[in-house]
Amino acid sequence: MAFYLVNPEIFNYVIIPLLIFLAQIANVCMETLRIVFLSKGMKYLAPVIAFFEIIIWLLAIVGVLNNLSNISYFLAYAFGFALGTYVGLVIEEKLSIGMVIMRIITTDGSGDGIMQFMQAENYGTTCLDAKGARGGVTMIISLVNRDDVPRITRHIEETNPGAFFSIEDVRYVNQGVFRPKKQDPLTGFIHSLARPRKRP
């Protein structure tokens, strides 16, 4: 008589789908991070992520193809894909990789206060007088660490809720004044690879 450590029904409809679900979460998380790393020019770390990503994907897809009649495998794969996308974006947001350029536009004279705040916090800033659709404006441009953005935007919203600002990722820089970044031991290596590089 055959001896099973786990009931075959539980194995086929619970354990295997759960493993497929977890593998797909890990796979899509890696895929999301790989795309982010590529967009930031991290050409050495992205291939490492891709290597493990494809191995996990192969394990997950083999599990699904081994029993095409089991609908729970398909559902586990699909739900893992969906949740993996969300988890990958959350992880990328927590890592706060790289730097961004902020453009802040004010019309009520609060530009000086924002400039003073930025300079006091050691952010390199450039201030320009410009003309908008409704008259004269002050434009402040600064290159900041991505994880400093919530702090800066909070200050802007407290001092001038009506200020317009935009944020864009930066891949390369030449020169500039940068606020020192406190490195977390777990993510410091990744941040060092993501630092905008000088163009050759």
Protein backbone atom coordinates (compact mmCIF):
# COMPACT_ATOMS: atom_id res chain seq x y z
CA MET A 1 0.00 0.00 0.00
CA ALA A 2 1.37 3.40 -0.94
CA PHE A 3 2.23 5.71 1.94
CA TYR A 4 1.73 9.44 1.59
CA LEU A 5 3.12 12.00 3.98
CA VAL A 6 0.53 14.45 2.66
CA ASN A 7 -2.92 13.72 1.33
CA PRO A 8 -2.69 13.79 -2.52
CA GLU A 9 -5.71 16.09 -2.74
CA ILE A 10 -4.13 18.59 -0.35
CA PHE A 11 -0.83 18.31 -2.21
CA ASN A 12 -2.41 18.97 -5.62
CA TYR A 13 -4.95 21.61 -4.65
CA VAL A 14 -3.22 23.45 -1.78
CA ILE A 15 0.53 22.92 -1.55
CA ILE A 16 1.46 23.05 -5.25
CA PRO A 17 -0.81 26.07 -5.96
CA LEU A 18 0.66 27.83 -2.92
CA LEU A 19 4.20 27.19 -4.17
CA ILE A 20 3.25 28.46 -7.64
CA PHE A 21 1.65 31.54 -6.05
CA LEU A 22 4.77 32.34 -3.97
CA ALA A 23 7.13 31.68 -6.88
CA GLN A 24 5.15 33.98 -9.14
CA ILE A 25 5.17 36.76 -6.53
CA ALA A 26 8.97 36.47 -6.27
CA ASN A 27 9.31 36.34 -10.06
CA VAL A 28 7.21 39.43 -10.76
CA CYS A 29 8.86 41.35 -7.89
CA MET A 30 12.22 40.69 -9.50
CA GLU A 31 10.88 41.64 -12.92
CA THR A 32 9.58 44.96 -11.58
CA LEU A 33 12.87 45.74 -9.84
CA ARG A 34 14.87 44.71 -12.92
CA ILE A 35 12.94 47.16 -15.09
CA VAL A 36 13.50 49.92 -12.52
CA PHE A 37 17.22 49.13 -12.32
CA LEU A 38 17.49 49.19 -16.13
CA SER A 39 15.75 52.55 -16.29
CA LYS A 40 18.33 53.92 -13.85
CA GLY A 41 21.30 52.59 -15.80
CA MET A 42 22.26 49.86 -13.30
CA LYS A 43 23.65 47.57 -16.00
CA TYR A 44 25.50 45.26 -13.60
CA LEU A 45 22.74 44.56 -11.08
CA ALA A 46 19.89 44.12 -13.59
CA PRO A 47 21.39 40.96 -15.23
CA VAL A 48 21.84 39.34 -11.81
CA ILE A 49 18.17 39.95 -11.04
CA ALA A 50 17.24 38.62 -14.50
CA PHE A 51 19.14 35.36 -13.89
CA PHE A 52 17.19 34.48 -10.74
CA GLU A 53 13.96 35.86 -12.19
CA ILE A 54 13.97 33.45 -15.13
CA ILE A 55 14.84 30.45 -12.93
CA ILE A 56 11.89 31.14 -10.64
CA TRP A 57 9.61 31.72 -13.64
CA LEU A 58 10.61 28.36 -15.15
CA LEU A 59 9.83 26.59 -11.87
CA ALA A 60 6.42 28.26 -11.69
CA ILE A 61 5.46 27.60 -15.32
CA VAL A 62 6.58 23.96 -15.12
CA GLY A 63 4.28 23.53 -12.12
CA VAL A 64 1.36 24.88 -14.14
CA LEU A 65 2.11 22.84 -17.27
CA ASN A 66 2.41 19.60 -15.33
CA ASN A 67 -1.32 19.58 -14.77
CA LEU A 68 -3.23 21.71 -17.25
CA SER A 69 -6.57 20.37 -16.02
CA ASN A 70 -6.11 21.79 -12.51
CA ILE A 71 -7.72 25.24 -12.44
CA SER A 72 -6.17 26.05 -9.06
CA TYR A 73 -2.72 26.18 -10.71
CA PHE A 74 -3.90 28.82 -13.17
CA LEU A 75 -5.55 30.87 -10.42
CA ALA A 76 -2.44 30.67 -8.24
CA TYR A 77 -0.27 31.81 -11.17
CA ALA A 78 -2.59 34.72 -12.01
CA PHE A 79 -3.02 35.92 -8.41
CA GLY A 80 0.74 35.61 -7.86
CA PHE A 81 1.36 37.76 -10.93
CA ALA A 82 -1.06 40.44 -9.71
CA LEU A 83 0.21 40.53 -6.13
CA GLY A 84 3.84 40.34 -7.28
CA THR A 85 3.38 43.51 -9.33
CA TYR A 86 2.07 45.36 -6.28
CA VAL A 87 4.73 44.01 -3.92
CA GLY A 88 7.51 44.84 -6.40
CA LEU A 89 6.34 48.45 -6.62
CA VAL A 90 6.14 48.71 -2.82
CA ILE A 91 9.68 47.37 -2.47
CA GLU A 92 10.97 49.77 -5.12
CA GLU A 93 9.25 52.67 -3.35
CA LYS A 94 10.76 51.67 -0.01
CA LEU A 95 14.23 51.46 -1.53
CA SER A 96 13.85 55.01 -2.91
CA ILE A 97 16.58 54.37 -5.44
CA GLY A 98 18.38 57.17 -7.24
CA MET A 99 17.85 60.88 -7.56
CA VAL A 100 15.14 63.09 -9.03
CA ILE A 101 14.94 66.64 -10.31
CA MET A 102 12.29 68.85 -8.73
CA ARG A 103 10.83 71.91 -10.44
CA ILE A 104 8.91 74.13 -8.05
CA ILE A 105 6.89 77.07 -9.40
CA THR A 106 5.39 79.72 -7.12
CA THR A 107 3.46 82.90 -7.80
CA ASP A 108 2.93 84.43 -4.36
CA GLY A 109 6.46 85.39 -3.30
CA SER A 110 7.07 82.24 -1.24
CA GLY A 111 9.96 81.24 -3.51
CA ASP A 112 12.51 82.88 -1.23
CA GLY A 113 11.31 80.86 1.75
CA ILE A 114 11.47 77.62 -0.21
CA MET A 115 14.94 78.52 -1.49
CA GLN A 116 16.15 79.22 2.05
CA PHE A 117 14.78 75.87 3.24
CA MET A 118 16.44 73.98 0.38
CA GLN A 119 19.79 75.70 0.90
CA ALA A 120 19.66 75.22 4.67
CA GLU A 121 19.19 71.51 4.04
CA ASN A 122 22.20 71.46 1.67
CA TYR A 123 20.24 70.91 -1.52
CA GLY A 124 21.77 72.51 -4.60
CA THR A 125 19.18 74.86 -6.05
CA THR A 126 18.77 77.17 -9.03
CA CYS A 127 16.19 79.98 -8.95
CA LEU A 128 14.78 81.63 -12.09
CA ASP A 129 12.31 84.43 -12.70
CA ALA A 130 9.90 83.29 -15.38
CA LYS A 131 6.56 84.19 -16.91
CA GLY A 132 3.56 81.90 -16.68
CA ALA A 133 0.06 81.98 -18.13
CA ARG A 134 -1.09 84.28 -15.32
CA GLY A 135 1.96 86.49 -14.95
CA GLY A 136 5.36 86.37 -13.30
CA VAL A 137 6.45 83.23 -11.42
CA THR A 138 9.51 81.97 -9.58
CA MET A 139 10.93 78.62 -10.68
CA ILE A 140 13.18 76.64 -8.34
CA ILE A 141 15.11 73.68 -9.74
CA SER A 142 16.88 71.18 -7.51
CA LEU A 143 18.41 67.70 -7.78
CA VAL A 144 17.53 65.68 -4.67
CA ASN A 145 17.72 62.17 -3.29
CA ARG A 146 14.49 60.37 -4.04
CA ASP A 147 13.84 59.46 -0.41
CA ASP A 148 14.03 63.17 0.51
CA VAL A 149 11.08 64.03 -1.75
CA PRO A 150 8.31 63.47 0.86
CA ARG A 151 10.08 65.81 3.28
CA ILE A 152 10.47 68.55 0.69
CA THR A 153 6.93 68.26 -0.63
CA ARG A 154 5.58 68.34 2.92
CA HIS A 155 7.42 71.62 3.53
CA ILE A 156 6.10 73.08 0.25
CA GLU A 157 2.53 72.09 1.09
CA GLU A 158 2.85 73.65 4.55
CA THR A 159 4.32 76.95 3.34
CA ASN A 160 2.59 77.28 -0.03
CA PRO A 161 -0.23 74.78 -0.71
CA GLY A 162 -0.85 76.39 -4.10
CA ALA A 163 2.68 75.88 -5.41
CA PHE A 164 3.11 73.75 -8.52
CA PHE A 165 5.91 71.21 -8.59
CA SER A 166 6.96 68.35 -10.83
CA ILE A 167 9.34 65.45 -10.22
CA GLU A 168 11.36 63.54 -12.82
CA ASP A 169 13.87 60.70 -12.57
CA VAL A 170 17.49 61.54 -13.37
CA ARG A 171 19.89 59.09 -15.00
CA TYR A 172 23.02 61.16 -15.65
CA VAL A 173 24.54 64.29 -14.11
CA ASN A 174 27.75 66.19 -14.70
CA GLN A 175 28.38 68.42 -11.70
CA GLY A 176 26.28 69.59 -8.78
CA VAL A 177 25.74 70.17 -5.08
CA PHE A 178 24.20 67.11 -3.44
CA ARG A 179 22.84 66.61 0.04
CA PRO A 180 24.76 63.78 1.80
CA LYS A 181 22.68 60.62 1.90
CA LYS A 182 22.46 58.46 5.02
CA GLN A 183 23.06 54.95 3.80
CA ASP A 184 21.20 51.98 5.24
CA PRO A 185 23.61 49.01 5.49
CA LEU A 186 21.12 46.80 3.63
CA THR A 187 20.47 49.18 0.74
CA GLY A 188 23.63 51.27 0.61
CA PHE A 189 25.20 49.12 -2.11
CA ILE A 190 22.13 49.41 -4.33
CA HIS A 191 21.99 53.18 -3.83
CA SER A 192 25.66 53.51 -4.73
CA LEU A 193 25.02 51.69 -8.00
CA ALA A 194 21.97 53.86 -8.71
CA ARG A 195 23.77 57.16 -8.25
CA PRO A 196 23.51 59.23 -11.43
CA ARG A 197 26.71 58.89 -13.43
CA LYS A 198 28.62 61.44 -15.41
CA ARG A 199 28.30 61.18 -19.14
CA PRO A 200 31.56 60.11 -20.81
